[in-house]
Amino acid sequence: MPKIKTKKGALKRFKRTGSGKLVRNRAFASHIMTKKSRKRKRNLRKSTIVDKVEVKKVARLLPYG
């Protein structure tokens, strides 16, 4: 059976932690920042864990990640 290709777009957006969880960056931080509060912008800089309901979908895109 041939190897499964990794989706390169997903590879650039998601990382695995040491315990195997998936990490992602937050959305809505690229433009129109003036109306967002300082606290909100600060929190958008932090990465976060992928939700449990989405893990299976994302993991399918990263077969060897």
PDB file of N, CA and C in Angstrom:
ATOM      1  N   MET A   1       0.844  -1.189   0.000  1.00  0.00           N
ATOM      2  CA  MET A   1       0.000   0.000   0.000  1.00  0.00           C
ATOM      3  C   MET A   1       0.888   1.252   0.000  1.00  0.00           C
ATOM      4  N   PRO A   2       0.579   2.260  -0.817  1.00  0.00           N
ATOM      5  CA  PRO A   2       1.423   3.458  -0.864  1.00  0.00           C
ATOM      6  C   PRO A   2       1.268   4.316   0.395  1.00  0.00           C
ATOM      7  N   LYS A   3       2.264   5.147   0.588  1.00  0.00           N
ATOM      8  CA  LYS A   3       2.204   6.063   1.728  1.00  0.00           C
ATOM      9  C   LYS A   3       1.125   7.114   1.480  1.00  0.00           C
ATOM     10  N   ILE A   4       0.543   7.633   2.564  1.00  0.00           N
ATOM     11  CA  ILE A   4      -0.483   8.676   2.469  1.00  0.00           C
ATOM     12  C   ILE A   4       0.210  10.023   2.412  1.00  0.00           C
ATOM     13  N   LYS A   5      -0.233  10.885   1.527  1.00  0.00           N
ATOM     14  CA  LYS A   5       0.352  12.219   1.438  1.00  0.00           C
ATOM     15  C   LYS A   5      -0.194  13.107   2.556  1.00  0.00           C
ATOM     16  N   THR A   6       0.698  13.908   3.114  1.00  0.00           N
ATOM     17  CA  THR A   6       0.324  14.895   4.119  1.00  0.00           C
ATOM     18  C   THR A   6      -0.253  16.114   3.417  1.00  0.00           C
ATOM     19  N   LYS A   7      -1.329  16.687   3.956  1.00  0.00           N
ATOM     20  CA  LYS A   7      -1.863  17.949   3.432  1.00  0.00           C
ATOM     21  C   LYS A   7      -0.957  19.068   3.906  1.00  0.00           C
ATOM     22  N   LYS A   8      -0.254  19.703   2.972  1.00  0.00           N
ATOM     23  CA  LYS A   8       0.780  20.677   3.326  1.00  0.00           C
ATOM     24  C   LYS A   8       0.200  21.917   4.008  1.00  0.00           C
ATOM     25  N   GLY A   9      -1.025  22.300   3.654  1.00  0.00           N
ATOM     26  CA  GLY A   9      -1.654  23.437   4.315  1.00  0.00           C
ATOM     27  C   GLY A   9      -1.874  23.169   5.793  1.00  0.00           C
ATOM     28  N   ALA A  10      -2.261  21.942   6.110  1.00  0.00           N
ATOM     29  CA  ALA A  10      -2.473  21.556   7.509  1.00  0.00           C
ATOM     30  C   ALA A  10      -1.140  21.450   8.248  1.00  0.00           C
ATOM     31  N   LEU A  11      -0.120  20.979   7.558  1.00  0.00           N
ATOM     32  CA  LEU A  11       1.201  20.830   8.171  1.00  0.00           C
ATOM     33  C   LEU A  11       1.745  22.177   8.643  1.00  0.00           C
ATOM     34  N   LYS A  12       1.449  23.230   7.879  1.00  0.00           N
ATOM     35  CA  LYS A  12       1.912  24.570   8.228  1.00  0.00           C
ATOM     36  C   LYS A  12       1.101  25.182   9.368  1.00  0.00           C
ATOM     37  N   ARG A  13      -0.106  24.707   9.607  1.00  0.00           N
ATOM     38  CA  ARG A  13      -1.002  25.321  10.587  1.00  0.00           C
ATOM     39  C   ARG A  13      -1.076  24.601  11.927  1.00  0.00           C
ATOM     40  N   PHE A  14      -0.759  23.306  11.942  1.00  0.00           N
ATOM     41  CA  PHE A  14      -0.917  22.518  13.159  1.00  0.00           C
ATOM     42  C   PHE A  14       0.394  21.866  13.557  1.00  0.00           C
ATOM     43  N   LYS A  15       0.576  21.709  14.887  1.00  0.00           N
ATOM     44  CA  LYS A  15       1.753  21.051  15.435  1.00  0.00           C
ATOM     45  C   LYS A  15       1.300  20.088  16.502  1.00  0.00           C
ATOM     46  N   ARG A  16       2.051  19.025  16.698  1.00  0.00           N
ATOM     47  CA  ARG A  16       1.746  18.087  17.781  1.00  0.00           C
ATOM     48  C   ARG A  16       2.585  18.444  19.006  1.00  0.00           C
ATOM     49  N   THR A  17       1.972  18.318  20.167  1.00  0.00           N
ATOM     50  CA  THR A  17       2.707  18.541  21.410  1.00  0.00           C
ATOM     51  C   THR A  17       3.400  17.238  21.795  1.00  0.00           C
ATOM     52  N   GLY A  18       4.165  17.284  22.844  1.00  0.00           N
ATOM     53  CA  GLY A  18       4.849  16.087  23.313  1.00  0.00           C
ATOM     54  C   GLY A  18       3.888  14.992  23.732  1.00  0.00           C
ATOM     55  N   SER A  19       2.723  15.375  24.231  1.00  0.00           N
ATOM     56  CA  SER A  19       1.732  14.382  24.667  1.00  0.00           C
ATOM     57  C   SER A  19       0.815  13.939  23.527  1.00  0.00           C
ATOM     58  N   GLY A  20       1.017  14.500  22.316  1.00  0.00           N
ATOM     59  CA  GLY A  20       0.241  14.065  21.162  1.00  0.00           C
ATOM     60  C   GLY A  20      -0.959  14.920  20.832  1.00  0.00           C
ATOM     61  N   LYS A  21      -1.197  15.984  21.608  1.00  0.00           N
ATOM     62  CA  LYS A  21      -2.317  16.876  21.311  1.00  0.00           C
ATOM     63  C   LYS A  21      -1.959  17.770  20.131  1.00  0.00           C
ATOM     64  N   LEU A  22      -2.977  18.315  19.471  1.00  0.00           N
ATOM     65  CA  LEU A  22      -2.757  19.210  18.331  1.00  0.00           C
ATOM     66  C   LEU A  22      -2.882  20.659  18.773  1.00  0.00           C
ATOM     67  N   VAL A  23      -1.942  21.484  18.327  1.00  0.00           N
ATOM     68  CA  VAL A  23      -1.913  22.898  18.678  1.00  0.00           C
ATOM     69  C   VAL A  23      -2.169  23.716  17.422  1.00  0.00           C
ATOM     70  N   ARG A  24      -2.913  24.807  17.575  1.00  0.00           N
ATOM     71  CA  ARG A  24      -3.204  25.693  16.454  1.00  0.00           C
ATOM     72  C   ARG A  24      -3.077  27.133  16.910  1.00  0.00           C
ATOM     73  N   ASN A  25      -2.913  28.041  15.939  1.00  0.00           N
ATOM     74  CA  ASN A  25      -2.934  29.463  16.243  1.00  0.00           C
ATOM     75  C   ASN A  25      -4.360  29.971  16.121  1.00  0.00           C
ATOM     76  N   ARG A  26      -4.650  31.096  16.754  1.00  0.00           N
ATOM     77  CA  ARG A  26      -6.001  31.642  16.736  1.00  0.00           C
ATOM     78  C   ARG A  26      -6.258  32.441  15.467  1.00  0.00           C
ATOM     79  N   ALA A  27      -7.515  32.502  15.075  1.00  0.00           N
ATOM     80  CA  ALA A  27      -7.915  33.260  13.892  1.00  0.00           C
ATOM     81  C   ALA A  27      -8.255  34.703  14.288  1.00  0.00           C
ATOM     82  N   PHE A  28      -8.544  35.522  13.305  1.00  0.00           N
ATOM     83  CA  PHE A  28      -9.001  36.918  13.460  1.00  0.00           C
ATOM     84  C   PHE A  28      -7.917  37.847  14.004  1.00  0.00           C
ATOM     85  N   ALA A  29      -6.644  37.557  13.720  1.00  0.00           N
ATOM     86  CA  ALA A  29      -5.573  38.403  14.242  1.00  0.00           C
ATOM     87  C   ALA A  29      -4.751  39.041  13.128  1.00  0.00           C
ATOM     88  N   SER A  30      -5.264  39.042  11.903  1.00  0.00           N
ATOM     89  CA  SER A  30      -4.444  39.517  10.784  1.00  0.00           C
ATOM     90  C   SER A  30      -4.692  40.968  10.401  1.00  0.00           C
ATOM     91  N   HIS A  31      -5.907  41.451  10.518  1.00  0.00           N
ATOM     92  CA  HIS A  31      -6.199  42.845  10.165  1.00  0.00           C
ATOM     93  C   HIS A  31      -7.444  43.317  10.893  1.00  0.00           C
ATOM     94  N   ILE A  32      -7.785  44.587  10.699  1.00  0.00           N
ATOM     95  CA  ILE A  32      -8.886  45.250  11.437  1.00  0.00           C
ATOM     96  C   ILE A  32      -8.653  45.103  12.944  1.00  0.00           C
ATOM     97  N   MET A  33      -7.459  45.481  13.365  1.00  0.00           N
ATOM     98  CA  MET A  33      -7.096  45.310  14.773  1.00  0.00           C
ATOM     99  C   MET A  33      -7.497  46.503  15.635  1.00  0.00           C
ATOM    100  N   THR A  34      -7.834  47.624  15.016  1.00  0.00           N
ATOM    101  CA  THR A  34      -8.090  48.841  15.792  1.00  0.00           C
ATOM    102  C   THR A  34      -9.313  48.722  16.681  1.00  0.00           C
ATOM    103  N   LYS A  35     -10.311  47.996  16.255  1.00  0.00           N
ATOM    104  CA  LYS A  35     -11.535  47.876  17.058  1.00  0.00           C
ATOM    105  C   LYS A  35     -11.455  46.789  18.116  1.00  0.00           C
ATOM    106  N   LYS A  36     -10.386  46.011  18.108  1.00  0.00           N
ATOM    107  CA  LYS A  36     -10.238  44.940  19.095  1.00  0.00           C
ATOM    108  C   LYS A  36      -9.478  45.463  20.307  1.00  0.00           C
ATOM    109  N   SER A  37      -9.902  45.020  21.465  1.00  0.00           N
ATOM    110  CA  SER A  37      -9.294  45.511  22.704  1.00  0.00           C
ATOM    111  C   SER A  37      -7.871  44.967  22.850  1.00  0.00           C
ATOM    112  N   ARG A  38      -7.111  45.633  23.704  1.00  0.00           N
ATOM    113  CA  ARG A  38      -5.731  45.226  23.947  1.00  0.00           C
ATOM    114  C   ARG A  38      -5.675  43.804  24.498  1.00  0.00           C
ATOM    115  N   LYS A  39      -6.591  43.494  25.398  1.00  0.00           N
ATOM    116  CA  LYS A  39      -6.645  42.154  25.990  1.00  0.00           C
ATOM    117  C   LYS A  39      -6.953  41.091  24.936  1.00  0.00           C
ATOM    118  N   ARG A  40      -7.907  41.417  24.055  1.00  0.00           N
ATOM    119  CA  ARG A  40      -8.297  40.465  23.009  1.00  0.00           C
ATOM    120  C   ARG A  40      -7.144  40.208  22.044  1.00  0.00           C
ATOM    121  N   LYS A  41      -6.442  41.270  21.664  1.00  0.00           N
ATOM    122  CA  LYS A  41      -5.308  41.126  20.751  1.00  0.00           C
ATOM    123  C   LYS A  41      -4.180  40.317  21.395  1.00  0.00           C
ATOM    124  N   ARG A  42      -3.969  40.534  22.674  1.00  0.00           N
ATOM    125  CA  ARG A  42      -2.938  39.795  23.405  1.00  0.00           C
ATOM    126  C   ARG A  42      -3.280  38.306  23.444  1.00  0.00           C
ATOM    127  N   ASN A  43      -4.559  37.998  23.671  1.00  0.00           N
ATOM    128  CA  ASN A  43      -4.982  36.593  23.717  1.00  0.00           C
ATOM    129  C   ASN A  43      -4.946  35.932  22.348  1.00  0.00           C
ATOM    130  N   LEU A  44      -5.111  36.710  21.283  1.00  0.00           N
ATOM    131  CA  LEU A  44      -5.044  36.152  19.932  1.00  0.00           C
ATOM    132  C   LEU A  44      -3.626  35.712  19.562  1.00  0.00           C
ATOM    133  N   ARG A  45      -2.625  36.252  20.249  1.00  0.00           N
ATOM    134  CA  ARG A  45      -1.231  35.865  19.969  1.00  0.00           C
ATOM    135  C   ARG A  45      -0.915  34.467  20.476  1.00  0.00           C
ATOM    136  N   LYS A  46      -1.668  34.007  21.462  1.00  0.00           N
ATOM    137  CA  LYS A  46      -1.392  32.708  22.076  1.00  0.00           C
ATOM    138  C   LYS A  46      -1.947  31.573  21.217  1.00  0.00           C
ATOM    139  N   SER A  47      -1.244  30.459  21.219  1.00  0.00           N
ATOM    140  CA  SER A  47      -1.763  29.281  20.525  1.00  0.00           C
ATOM    141  C   SER A  47      -2.696  28.530  21.471  1.00  0.00           C
ATOM    142  N   THR A  48      -3.460  27.606  20.909  1.00  0.00           N
ATOM    143  CA  THR A  48      -4.427  26.871  21.724  1.00  0.00           C
ATOM    144  C   THR A  48      -4.544  25.438  21.211  1.00  0.00           C
ATOM    145  N   ILE A  49      -5.128  24.579  22.013  1.00  0.00           N
ATOM    146  CA  ILE A  49      -5.318  23.166  21.667  1.00  0.00           C
ATOM    147  C   ILE A  49      -6.530  23.037  20.751  1.00  0.00           C
ATOM    148  N   VAL A  50      -6.445  22.160  19.755  1.00  0.00           N
ATOM    149  CA  VAL A  50      -7.570  21.903  18.858  1.00  0.00           C
ATOM    150  C   VAL A  50      -8.679  21.223  19.650  1.00  0.00           C
ATOM    151  N   ASP A  51      -9.925  21.631  19.417  1.00  0.00           N
ATOM    152  CA  ASP A  51     -11.077  21.056  20.122  1.00  0.00           C
ATOM    153  C   ASP A  51     -11.196  19.560  19.864  1.00  0.00           C
ATOM    154  N   LYS A  52     -11.751  18.872  20.850  1.00  0.00           N
ATOM    155  CA  LYS A  52     -11.879  17.417  20.787  1.00  0.00           C
ATOM    156  C   LYS A  52     -12.677  16.955  19.564  1.00  0.00           C
ATOM    157  N   VAL A  53     -13.714  17.710  19.182  1.00  0.00           N
ATOM    158  CA  VAL A  53     -14.560  17.307  18.058  1.00  0.00           C
ATOM    159  C   VAL A  53     -13.839  17.447  16.716  1.00  0.00           C
ATOM    160  N   GLU A  54     -12.785  18.268  16.668  1.00  0.00           N
ATOM    161  CA  GLU A  54     -12.064  18.505  15.421  1.00  0.00           C
ATOM    162  C   GLU A  54     -10.791  17.671  15.284  1.00  0.00           C
ATOM    163  N   VAL A  55     -10.353  17.042  16.360  1.00  0.00           N
ATOM    164  CA  VAL A  55      -9.062  16.349  16.359  1.00  0.00           C
ATOM    165  C   VAL A  55      -9.009  15.261  15.298  1.00  0.00           C
ATOM    166  N   LYS A  56     -10.073  14.491  15.166  1.00  0.00           N
ATOM    167  CA  LYS A  56     -10.087  13.382  14.212  1.00  0.00           C
ATOM    168  C   LYS A  56      -9.922  13.890  12.776  1.00  0.00           C
ATOM    169  N   LYS A  57     -10.609  14.990  12.454  1.00  0.00           N
ATOM    170  CA  LYS A  57     -10.512  15.590  11.119  1.00  0.00           C
ATOM    171  C   LYS A  57      -9.097  16.063  10.815  1.00  0.00           C
ATOM    172  N   VAL A  58      -8.516  16.786  11.773  1.00  0.00           N
ATOM    173  CA  VAL A  58      -7.184  17.348  11.571  1.00  0.00           C
ATOM    174  C   VAL A  58      -6.136  16.239  11.520  1.00  0.00           C
ATOM    175  N   ALA A  59      -6.268  15.242  12.358  1.00  0.00           N
ATOM    176  CA  ALA A  59      -5.306  14.141  12.396  1.00  0.00           C
ATOM    177  C   ALA A  59      -5.300  13.376  11.077  1.00  0.00           C
ATOM    178  N   ARG A  60      -6.425  13.323  10.404  1.00  0.00           N
ATOM    179  CA  ARG A  60      -6.504  12.651   9.105  1.00  0.00           C
ATOM    180  C   ARG A  60      -5.678  13.386   8.048  1.00  0.00           C
ATOM    181  N   LEU A  61      -5.550  14.701   8.199  1.00  0.00           N
ATOM    182  CA  LEU A  61      -4.762  15.498   7.262  1.00  0.00           C
ATOM    183  C   LEU A  61      -3.261  15.361   7.516  1.00  0.00           C
ATOM    184  N   LEU A  62      -2.907  14.921   8.723  1.00  0.00           N
ATOM    185  CA  LEU A  62      -1.504  14.788   9.116  1.00  0.00           C
ATOM    186  C   LEU A  62      -1.201  13.343   9.509  1.00  0.00           C
ATOM    187  N   PRO A  63      -1.116  12.430   8.546  1.00  0.00           N
ATOM    188  CA  PRO A  63      -0.999  11.019   8.888  1.00  0.00           C
ATOM    189  C   PRO A  63       0.288  10.643   9.628  1.00  0.00           C
ATOM    190  N   TYR A  64       1.372  11.413   9.431  1.00  0.00           N
ATOM    191  CA  TYR A  64       2.645  11.058  10.063  1.00  0.00           C
ATOM    192  C   TYR A  64       3.124  12.131  11.027  1.00  0.00           C
ATOM    193  N   GLY A  65       2.245  13.089  11.347  1.00  0.00           N
ATOM    194  CA  GLY A  65       2.652  14.207  12.192  1.00  0.00           C
ATOM    195  C   GLY A  65       2.547  13.941  13.662  1.00  0.00           C
TER     196      GLY A  65
END
